[in-house]
Amino acid sequence: MKTDALDIDADGLPLFRPDSAAAPSRIDGTTALRLEKETLHLQDLEASLMEQQDQLRLLQFEQLRRDIQDGLASGEAEAWNPKAIKAEGRRRLGGHADSRLGV
């Protein structure tokens, strides 16, 4: 399906190249006002969306700060020791580790 293509005439005004002869050759004043109103509406929506995204980023950043503070307040860090972690897991399982898991 073809759509109308927008061109600019010698005066710099928008022209339609209609698929049918019944379509107007120039955008009339009412159409131009509607287009302008719709453009402003879309700009408002874009600004609102950007504001919501900024608020979301701020909330995520605040949550990250809280998580970091919780981690710092949780006590001394320990060295990573996978053997000790596996041994603790086996102890908690009572020596019934599933051999399919490779533990």
N, C-alpha and C. Protein backbone atom coordinates (compact mmCIF):
# COMPACT_ATOMS: atom_id res chain seq x y z
N MET A 1 0.84 -1.18 0.00
CA MET A 1 0.00 0.00 0.00
C MET A 1 0.88 1.24 0.00
N LYS A 2 0.60 2.17 -0.89
CA LYS A 2 1.37 3.40 -0.97
C LYS A 2 0.86 4.40 0.05
N THR A 3 1.74 5.29 0.47
CA THR A 3 1.35 6.38 1.35
C THR A 3 1.73 7.68 0.69
N ASP A 4 1.12 8.76 1.15
CA ASP A 4 1.45 10.08 0.61
C ASP A 4 2.87 10.44 1.02
N ALA A 5 3.61 11.05 0.10
CA ALA A 5 4.96 11.50 0.40
C ALA A 5 4.93 13.00 0.60
N LEU A 6 5.68 13.49 1.57
CA LEU A 6 5.69 14.91 1.88
C LEU A 6 6.86 15.56 1.17
N ASP A 7 6.57 16.61 0.38
CA ASP A 7 7.60 17.40 -0.31
C ASP A 7 7.44 18.85 0.10
N ILE A 8 8.43 19.65 -0.26
CA ILE A 8 8.39 21.08 0.02
C ILE A 8 8.30 21.81 -1.32
N ASP A 9 7.39 22.80 -1.40
CA ASP A 9 7.25 23.53 -2.66
C ASP A 9 8.26 24.68 -2.71
N ALA A 10 8.22 25.49 -3.77
CA ALA A 10 9.17 26.58 -3.99
C ALA A 10 9.10 27.62 -2.88
N ASP A 11 7.95 27.76 -2.22
CA ASP A 11 7.80 28.72 -1.13
C ASP A 11 8.22 28.14 0.22
N GLY A 12 8.66 26.89 0.24
CA GLY A 12 9.04 26.24 1.50
C GLY A 12 7.87 25.66 2.26
N LEU A 13 6.72 25.58 1.63
CA LEU A 13 5.54 25.02 2.27
C LEU A 13 5.44 23.53 1.96
N PRO A 14 4.93 22.76 2.91
CA PRO A 14 4.82 21.32 2.67
C PRO A 14 3.77 21.01 1.61
N LEU A 15 4.11 20.10 0.75
CA LEU A 15 3.21 19.60 -0.29
C LEU A 15 3.04 18.10 -0.13
N PHE A 16 1.88 17.62 -0.46
CA PHE A 16 1.67 16.18 -0.54
C PHE A 16 1.77 15.77 -1.99
N ARG A 17 2.38 14.63 -2.21
CA ARG A 17 2.31 13.97 -3.51
C ARG A 17 1.31 12.85 -3.32
N PRO A 18 0.05 13.14 -3.53
CA PRO A 18 -0.97 12.13 -3.22
C PRO A 18 -0.97 10.97 -4.20
N ASP A 19 -1.41 9.84 -3.68
CA ASP A 19 -1.60 8.67 -4.54
C ASP A 19 -2.86 8.83 -5.37
N SER A 20 -3.79 9.61 -4.87
CA SER A 20 -5.04 9.81 -5.61
C SER A 20 -5.20 11.29 -5.92
N ALA A 21 -5.94 11.59 -6.96
CA ALA A 21 -6.15 12.97 -7.39
C ALA A 21 -7.07 13.72 -6.43
N ALA A 22 -7.79 13.01 -5.57
CA ALA A 22 -8.75 13.65 -4.67
C ALA A 22 -8.06 14.31 -3.48
N ALA A 23 -6.84 13.96 -3.19
CA ALA A 23 -6.15 14.52 -2.03
C ALA A 23 -5.71 15.95 -2.32
N PRO A 24 -5.67 16.81 -1.29
CA PRO A 24 -5.26 18.20 -1.51
C PRO A 24 -3.77 18.27 -1.86
N SER A 25 -3.41 19.30 -2.63
CA SER A 25 -2.02 19.45 -3.04
C SER A 25 -1.21 20.23 -2.01
N ARG A 26 -1.86 20.94 -1.09
CA ARG A 26 -1.20 21.67 -0.01
C ARG A 26 -1.84 21.32 1.31
N ILE A 27 -1.07 21.45 2.36
CA ILE A 27 -1.65 21.27 3.69
C ILE A 27 -2.41 22.54 4.02
N ASP A 28 -3.70 22.40 4.31
CA ASP A 28 -4.48 23.58 4.65
C ASP A 28 -4.19 24.01 6.09
N GLY A 29 -4.72 25.15 6.46
CA GLY A 29 -4.45 25.72 7.78
C GLY A 29 -4.89 24.82 8.92
N THR A 30 -6.05 24.19 8.77
CA THR A 30 -6.56 23.30 9.81
C THR A 30 -5.65 22.10 10.00
N THR A 31 -5.20 21.53 8.90
CA THR A 31 -4.29 20.38 8.97
C THR A 31 -2.97 20.79 9.60
N ALA A 32 -2.46 21.95 9.23
CA ALA A 32 -1.19 22.42 9.79
C ALA A 32 -1.32 22.63 11.30
N LEU A 33 -2.45 23.20 11.74
CA LEU A 33 -2.66 23.39 13.18
C LEU A 33 -2.74 22.06 13.91
N ARG A 34 -3.43 21.09 13.30
CA ARG A 34 -3.51 19.76 13.91
C ARG A 34 -2.13 19.12 14.01
N LEU A 35 -1.34 19.26 12.94
CA LEU A 35 0.02 18.71 12.96
C LEU A 35 0.87 19.37 14.03
N GLU A 36 0.74 20.69 14.15
CA GLU A 36 1.51 21.41 15.16
C GLU A 36 1.08 20.99 16.57
N LYS A 37 -0.24 20.87 16.77
CA LYS A 37 -0.76 20.45 18.07
C LYS A 37 -0.27 19.04 18.42
N GLU A 38 -0.31 18.15 17.46
CA GLU A 38 0.15 16.77 17.68
C GLU A 38 1.65 16.75 17.98
N THR A 39 2.42 17.57 17.28
CA THR A 39 3.86 17.65 17.52
C THR A 39 4.14 18.12 18.94
N LEU A 40 3.42 19.15 19.39
CA LEU A 40 3.60 19.64 20.76
C LEU A 40 3.21 18.58 21.78
N HIS A 41 2.13 17.86 21.48
CA HIS A 41 1.70 16.78 22.39
C HIS A 41 2.78 15.70 22.49
N LEU A 42 3.34 15.32 21.35
CA LEU A 42 4.39 14.30 21.36
C LEU A 42 5.64 14.79 22.09
N GLN A 43 5.96 16.07 21.96
CA GLN A 43 7.09 16.63 22.69
C GLN A 43 6.84 16.58 24.19
N ASP A 44 5.60 16.88 24.61
CA ASP A 44 5.24 16.79 26.03
C ASP A 44 5.36 15.36 26.53
N LEU A 45 4.89 14.41 25.74
CA LEU A 45 4.99 13.01 26.13
C LEU A 45 6.45 12.57 26.26
N GLU A 46 7.28 13.02 25.33
CA GLU A 46 8.70 12.69 25.37
C GLU A 46 9.35 13.26 26.62
N ALA A 47 9.03 14.50 26.96
CA ALA A 47 9.58 15.13 28.16
C ALA A 47 9.13 14.38 29.41
N SER A 48 7.87 13.98 29.44
CA SER A 48 7.35 13.24 30.58
C SER A 48 8.04 11.89 30.72
N LEU A 49 8.23 11.20 29.60
CA LEU A 49 8.91 9.91 29.63
C LEU A 49 10.35 10.06 30.11
N MET A 50 11.04 11.10 29.63
CA MET A 50 12.42 11.31 30.05
C MET A 50 12.48 11.61 31.55
N GLU A 51 11.51 12.36 32.07
CA GLU A 51 11.46 12.66 33.49
C GLU A 51 11.23 11.39 34.30
N GLN A 52 10.34 10.52 33.83
CA GLN A 52 10.09 9.25 34.53
C GLN A 52 11.34 8.37 34.51
N GLN A 53 12.05 8.35 33.39
CA GLN A 53 13.28 7.56 33.32
C GLN A 53 14.33 8.11 34.28
N ASP A 54 14.43 9.43 34.38
CA ASP A 54 15.37 10.04 35.33
C ASP A 54 15.02 9.67 36.76
N GLN A 55 13.72 9.69 37.09
CA GLN A 55 13.28 9.32 38.43
C GLN A 55 13.60 7.86 38.73
N LEU A 56 13.39 6.98 37.75
CA LEU A 56 13.69 5.57 37.93
C LEU A 56 15.19 5.36 38.16
N ARG A 57 16.03 6.04 37.36
CA ARG A 57 17.48 5.93 37.56
C ARG A 57 17.88 6.42 38.94
N LEU A 58 17.27 7.50 39.41
CA LEU A 58 17.57 8.02 40.73
C LEU A 58 17.20 7.00 41.81
N LEU A 59 16.03 6.39 41.69
CA LEU A 59 15.62 5.37 42.66
C LEU A 59 16.56 4.17 42.64
N GLN A 60 16.98 3.75 41.44
CA GLN A 60 17.90 2.62 41.34
C GLN A 60 19.25 2.97 41.97
N PHE A 61 19.71 4.19 41.75
CA PHE A 61 20.98 4.62 42.32
C PHE A 61 20.89 4.69 43.84
N GLU A 62 19.77 5.19 44.36
CA GLU A 62 19.58 5.23 45.81
C GLU A 62 19.55 3.83 46.40
N GLN A 63 18.91 2.88 45.70
CA GLN A 63 18.88 1.49 46.17
C GLN A 63 20.29 0.90 46.17
N LEU A 64 21.06 1.19 45.15
CA LEU A 64 22.45 0.72 45.09
C LEU A 64 23.25 1.26 46.27
N ARG A 65 23.07 2.53 46.58
CA ARG A 65 23.76 3.12 47.74
C ARG A 65 23.38 2.39 49.02
N ARG A 66 22.07 2.12 49.21
CA ARG A 66 21.62 1.40 50.42
C ARG A 66 22.22 0.00 50.46
N ASP A 67 22.25 -0.67 49.32
CA ASP A 67 22.81 -2.03 49.28
C ASP A 67 24.30 -2.02 49.63
N ILE A 68 25.02 -1.02 49.13
CA ILE A 68 26.45 -0.92 49.46
C ILE A 68 26.62 -0.66 50.94
N GLN A 69 25.82 0.24 51.50
CA GLN A 69 25.92 0.51 52.93
C GLN A 69 25.58 -0.72 53.76
N ASP A 70 24.56 -1.48 53.35
CA ASP A 70 24.21 -2.71 54.05
C ASP A 70 25.38 -3.69 54.01
N GLY A 71 26.03 -3.79 52.87
CA GLY A 71 27.18 -4.68 52.75
C GLY A 71 28.33 -4.25 53.64
N LEU A 72 28.59 -2.95 53.68
CA LEU A 72 29.67 -2.44 54.53
C LEU A 72 29.36 -2.65 56.01
N ALA A 73 28.08 -2.54 56.36
CA ALA A 73 27.68 -2.70 57.75
C ALA A 73 27.55 -4.16 58.18
N SER A 74 27.66 -5.08 57.24
CA SER A 74 27.43 -6.49 57.57
C SER A 74 28.61 -7.17 58.24
N GLY A 75 29.70 -6.48 58.36
CA GLY A 75 30.85 -7.06 59.06
C GLY A 75 32.06 -7.18 58.15
N GLU A 76 33.07 -7.81 58.71
CA GLU A 76 34.33 -7.97 57.99
C GLU A 76 34.16 -8.90 56.79
N ALA A 77 34.86 -8.56 55.75
CA ALA A 77 34.86 -9.42 54.57
C ALA A 77 35.75 -10.63 54.83
N GLU A 78 35.40 -11.72 54.21
CA GLU A 78 36.19 -12.95 54.34
C GLU A 78 36.75 -13.30 52.98
N ALA A 79 37.88 -13.96 52.98
CA ALA A 79 38.48 -14.41 51.72
C ALA A 79 37.59 -15.47 51.09
N TRP A 80 37.55 -15.48 49.78
CA TRP A 80 36.78 -16.46 49.04
C TRP A 80 37.47 -17.80 49.13
N ASN A 81 36.75 -18.78 49.66
CA ASN A 81 37.32 -20.11 49.83
C ASN A 81 36.27 -21.12 49.37
N PRO A 82 36.30 -21.51 48.10
CA PRO A 82 35.27 -22.42 47.60
C PRO A 82 35.27 -23.77 48.30
N LYS A 83 36.44 -24.26 48.71
CA LYS A 83 36.47 -25.57 49.41
C LYS A 83 35.73 -25.48 50.73
N ALA A 84 35.93 -24.39 51.46
CA ALA A 84 35.23 -24.22 52.74
C ALA A 84 33.73 -24.10 52.53
N ILE A 85 33.34 -23.41 51.48
CA ILE A 85 31.91 -23.25 51.19
C ILE A 85 31.28 -24.60 50.84
N LYS A 86 31.98 -25.39 50.03
CA LYS A 86 31.48 -26.74 49.69
C LYS A 86 31.40 -27.61 50.93
N ALA A 87 32.43 -27.53 51.79
CA ALA A 87 32.43 -28.34 53.01
C ALA A 87 31.26 -27.94 53.91
N GLU A 88 30.98 -26.65 54.02
CA GLU A 88 29.85 -26.19 54.82
C GLU A 88 28.54 -26.68 54.23
N GLY A 89 28.42 -26.65 52.91
CA GLY A 89 27.22 -27.16 52.27
C GLY A 89 27.02 -28.64 52.52
N ARG A 90 28.10 -29.39 52.42
CA ARG A 90 28.02 -30.84 52.69
C ARG A 90 27.62 -31.10 54.14
N ARG A 91 28.21 -30.28 55.06
CA ARG A 91 27.87 -30.44 56.49
C ARG A 91 26.39 -30.18 56.70
N ARG A 92 25.86 -29.13 56.05
CA ARG A 92 24.44 -28.80 56.21
C ARG A 92 23.55 -29.88 55.61
N LEU A 93 24.01 -30.50 54.54
CA LEU A 93 23.22 -31.57 53.93
C LEU A 93 23.37 -32.89 54.68
N GLY A 94 24.25 -32.92 55.63
CA GLY A 94 24.45 -34.13 56.42
C GLY A 94 25.16 -35.21 55.65
N GLY A 95 26.03 -34.79 54.71
CA GLY A 95 26.79 -35.77 53.95
C GLY A 95 25.97 -36.42 52.87
N HIS A 96 24.78 -35.93 52.58
CA HIS A 96 23.91 -36.53 51.54
C HIS A 96 23.94 -35.72 50.27
N ALA A 97 25.09 -35.24 49.89
CA ALA A 97 25.19 -34.45 48.66
C ALA A 97 24.84 -35.31 47.47
N ASP A 98 24.15 -34.74 46.53
CA ASP A 98 23.74 -35.44 45.33
C ASP A 98 24.95 -35.56 44.40
N SER A 99 25.32 -36.77 44.02
CA SER A 99 26.50 -36.99 43.19
C SER A 99 26.32 -36.39 41.79
N ARG A 100 25.09 -36.20 41.35
CA ARG A 100 24.86 -35.60 40.03
C ARG A 100 25.28 -34.14 40.00
N LEU A 101 25.33 -33.49 41.14
CA LEU A 101 25.72 -32.10 41.19
C LEU A 101 27.23 -31.93 41.25
N GLY A 102 27.97 -33.01 41.40
CA GLY A 102 29.41 -32.94 41.43
C GLY A 102 29.96 -32.38 42.73
N VAL A 103 29.22 -32.51 43.81
CA VAL A 103 29.71 -32.00 45.11
C VAL A 103 30.20 -33.13 45.98
